[in-house]
Amino acid sequence: METLIVQPKNKEQLIALKAIMKALKVDFKTEKSGSEPYNDEFVAKMKRSEDDVKAGRTATIEPADIWNLD
């Protein structure tokens, strides 16, 4: 069988879709979705990194020096 991913645009659509699936006896599950599709800790880490770049807190490594273990 196939899995359908439905993305209603508002609460009205969500309610209607759930009603239709229940009426047709279609099994479904719901998952809460936040504004971010990623783990909150990961998102915070990425935002801190972006702030560091904007503030100039970066380091530059020459490509030739990446494998230099001296």
N, C-alpha and C. Protein backbone atom coordinates (compact mmCIF):
# COMPACT_ATOMS: atom_id res chain seq x y z
N MET A 1 0.83 -1.18 0.00
CA MET A 1 0.00 0.00 0.00
C MET A 1 0.88 1.24 0.00
N GLU A 2 0.29 2.35 -0.26
CA GLU A 2 1.00 3.62 -0.26
C GLU A 2 0.72 4.40 1.02
N THR A 3 1.63 5.30 1.33
CA THR A 3 1.44 6.23 2.43
C THR A 3 1.20 7.60 1.84
N LEU A 4 0.18 8.27 2.30
CA LEU A 4 -0.12 9.62 1.83
C LEU A 4 0.30 10.62 2.90
N ILE A 5 0.92 11.67 2.49
CA ILE A 5 1.26 12.76 3.39
C ILE A 5 0.38 13.93 2.98
N VAL A 6 -0.51 14.30 3.87
CA VAL A 6 -1.49 15.35 3.58
C VAL A 6 -1.10 16.59 4.36
N GLN A 7 -1.11 17.74 3.72
CA GLN A 7 -0.73 18.98 4.37
C GLN A 7 -1.84 20.02 4.26
N PRO A 8 -2.82 19.95 5.13
CA PRO A 8 -3.90 20.93 5.08
C PRO A 8 -3.36 22.33 5.36
N LYS A 9 -3.97 23.31 4.72
CA LYS A 9 -3.50 24.69 4.85
C LYS A 9 -4.09 25.40 6.06
N ASN A 10 -5.17 24.85 6.61
CA ASN A 10 -5.79 25.49 7.78
C ASN A 10 -6.54 24.45 8.60
N LYS A 11 -7.06 24.89 9.74
CA LYS A 11 -7.74 23.97 10.65
C LYS A 11 -9.01 23.39 10.03
N GLU A 12 -9.71 24.19 9.23
CA GLU A 12 -10.93 23.73 8.57
C GLU A 12 -10.64 22.54 7.66
N GLN A 13 -9.59 22.63 6.87
CA GLN A 13 -9.21 21.53 5.99
C GLN A 13 -8.82 20.30 6.80
N LEU A 14 -8.11 20.51 7.89
CA LEU A 14 -7.68 19.40 8.74
C LEU A 14 -8.89 18.65 9.29
N ILE A 15 -9.85 19.38 9.80
CA ILE A 15 -11.06 18.76 10.35
C ILE A 15 -11.82 17.99 9.27
N ALA A 16 -11.93 18.58 8.09
CA ALA A 16 -12.65 17.92 6.99
C ALA A 16 -11.94 16.64 6.55
N LEU A 17 -10.63 16.69 6.44
CA LEU A 17 -9.87 15.51 6.03
C LEU A 17 -9.99 14.39 7.05
N LYS A 18 -9.92 14.73 8.32
CA LYS A 18 -10.08 13.71 9.36
C LYS A 18 -11.47 13.09 9.29
N ALA A 19 -12.48 13.90 9.07
CA ALA A 19 -13.86 13.40 8.99
C ALA A 19 -14.03 12.45 7.81
N ILE A 20 -13.45 12.80 6.68
CA ILE A 20 -13.54 11.95 5.50
C ILE A 20 -12.85 10.60 5.75
N MET A 21 -11.65 10.64 6.34
CA MET A 21 -10.93 9.40 6.59
C MET A 21 -11.66 8.52 7.59
N LYS A 22 -12.25 9.14 8.60
CA LYS A 22 -13.03 8.36 9.58
C LYS A 22 -14.25 7.75 8.91
N ALA A 23 -14.93 8.52 8.05
CA ALA A 23 -16.13 8.03 7.37
C ALA A 23 -15.80 6.85 6.46
N LEU A 24 -14.63 6.88 5.85
CA LEU A 24 -14.20 5.80 4.96
C LEU A 24 -13.48 4.67 5.71
N LYS A 25 -13.37 4.82 7.02
CA LYS A 25 -12.69 3.84 7.87
C LYS A 25 -11.24 3.63 7.45
N VAL A 26 -10.59 4.75 7.12
CA VAL A 26 -9.18 4.74 6.75
C VAL A 26 -8.37 5.00 8.02
N ASP A 27 -7.44 4.10 8.33
CA ASP A 27 -6.58 4.31 9.48
C ASP A 27 -5.61 5.46 9.20
N PHE A 28 -5.41 6.30 10.20
CA PHE A 28 -4.45 7.39 10.06
C PHE A 28 -3.89 7.74 11.42
N LYS A 29 -2.75 8.38 11.41
CA LYS A 29 -2.16 8.87 12.65
C LYS A 29 -1.77 10.32 12.43
N THR A 30 -1.69 11.05 13.50
CA THR A 30 -1.33 12.46 13.41
C THR A 30 -0.03 12.69 14.16
N GLU A 31 0.70 13.67 13.71
CA GLU A 31 1.93 14.09 14.37
C GLU A 31 1.91 15.60 14.44
N LYS A 32 2.25 16.13 15.58
CA LYS A 32 2.32 17.58 15.73
C LYS A 32 3.52 18.06 14.94
N SER A 33 3.34 19.13 14.20
CA SER A 33 4.47 19.71 13.47
C SER A 33 4.66 21.13 13.97
N GLY A 34 5.90 21.45 14.28
CA GLY A 34 6.23 22.79 14.73
C GLY A 34 6.62 23.65 13.55
N SER A 35 7.11 24.81 13.85
CA SER A 35 7.54 25.70 12.78
C SER A 35 8.85 25.21 12.16
N GLU A 36 9.59 24.41 12.92
CA GLU A 36 10.86 23.88 12.44
C GLU A 36 10.75 22.37 12.24
N PRO A 37 11.21 21.87 11.11
CA PRO A 37 11.17 20.43 10.91
C PRO A 37 12.32 19.70 11.61
N TYR A 38 13.19 20.44 12.30
CA TYR A 38 14.35 19.85 12.94
C TYR A 38 14.25 19.92 14.45
N ASN A 39 15.08 19.15 15.11
CA ASN A 39 15.19 19.15 16.56
C ASN A 39 15.50 20.57 17.05
N ASP A 40 14.84 21.01 18.12
CA ASP A 40 15.01 22.38 18.62
C ASP A 40 16.46 22.68 19.01
N GLU A 41 17.14 21.70 19.59
CA GLU A 41 18.53 21.90 19.99
C GLU A 41 19.42 22.13 18.76
N PHE A 42 19.17 21.37 17.71
CA PHE A 42 19.94 21.52 16.47
C PHE A 42 19.70 22.90 15.86
N VAL A 43 18.45 23.35 15.83
CA VAL A 43 18.11 24.65 15.26
C VAL A 43 18.81 25.76 16.05
N ALA A 44 18.81 25.67 17.38
CA ALA A 44 19.47 26.67 18.20
C ALA A 44 20.97 26.71 17.92
N LYS A 45 21.57 25.54 17.73
CA LYS A 45 23.00 25.46 17.43
C LYS A 45 23.32 26.13 16.09
N MET A 46 22.48 25.89 15.09
CA MET A 46 22.68 26.51 13.77
C MET A 46 22.52 28.03 13.84
N LYS A 47 21.56 28.50 14.62
CA LYS A 47 21.37 29.95 14.77
C LYS A 47 22.56 30.59 15.45
N ARG A 48 23.12 29.91 16.47
CA ARG A 48 24.33 30.44 17.13
C ARG A 48 25.47 30.51 16.13
N SER A 49 25.59 29.50 15.29
CA SER A 49 26.65 29.49 14.27
C SER A 49 26.49 30.65 13.30
N GLU A 50 25.25 30.91 12.88
CA GLU A 50 25.00 32.04 11.98
C GLU A 50 25.36 33.36 12.65
N ASP A 51 25.04 33.49 13.94
CA ASP A 51 25.38 34.70 14.69
C ASP A 51 26.90 34.86 14.78
N ASP A 52 27.62 33.75 14.98
CA ASP A 52 29.08 33.79 15.04
C ASP A 52 29.65 34.29 13.73
N VAL A 53 29.14 33.82 12.61
CA VAL A 53 29.62 34.25 11.30
C VAL A 53 29.36 35.74 11.11
N LYS A 54 28.17 36.20 11.45
CA LYS A 54 27.83 37.62 11.30
C LYS A 54 28.72 38.50 12.17
N ALA A 55 29.12 37.99 13.35
CA ALA A 55 29.96 38.74 14.27
C ALA A 55 31.45 38.60 13.93
N GLY A 56 31.77 37.81 12.92
CA GLY A 56 33.16 37.65 12.51
C GLY A 56 33.93 36.64 13.32
N ARG A 57 33.25 35.85 14.11
CA ARG A 57 33.93 34.82 14.92
C ARG A 57 34.06 33.55 14.08
N THR A 58 35.01 33.59 13.17
CA THR A 58 35.25 32.45 12.28
C THR A 58 36.74 32.18 12.19
N ALA A 59 37.08 31.03 11.66
CA ALA A 59 38.47 30.67 11.42
C ALA A 59 38.59 30.25 9.96
N THR A 60 39.72 30.56 9.35
CA THR A 60 39.96 30.18 7.97
C THR A 60 41.07 29.14 7.92
N ILE A 61 40.84 28.10 7.17
CA ILE A 61 41.85 27.05 7.00
C ILE A 61 42.10 26.91 5.51
N GLU A 62 43.36 26.95 5.13
CA GLU A 62 43.73 26.75 3.74
C GLU A 62 43.49 25.30 3.37
N PRO A 63 42.94 25.04 2.20
CA PRO A 63 42.68 23.66 1.78
C PRO A 63 43.93 22.77 1.85
N ALA A 64 45.07 23.32 1.52
CA ALA A 64 46.31 22.53 1.56
C ALA A 64 46.68 22.12 2.97
N ASP A 65 46.21 22.85 3.98
CA ASP A 65 46.56 22.56 5.37
C ASP A 65 45.59 21.57 6.04
N ILE A 66 44.55 21.21 5.37
CA ILE A 66 43.57 20.32 6.00
C ILE A 66 44.19 18.99 6.39
N TRP A 67 45.02 18.43 5.52
CA TRP A 67 45.60 17.12 5.78
C TRP A 67 46.98 17.20 6.39
N ASN A 68 47.45 18.40 6.66
CA ASN A 68 48.76 18.58 7.26
C ASN A 68 48.65 18.30 8.75
N LEU A 69 49.26 17.23 9.21
CA LEU A 69 49.14 16.81 10.61
C LEU A 69 50.34 17.24 11.45
N ASP A 70 51.22 18.07 10.93
CA ASP A 70 52.41 18.50 11.67
C ASP A 70 52.06 19.45 12.77
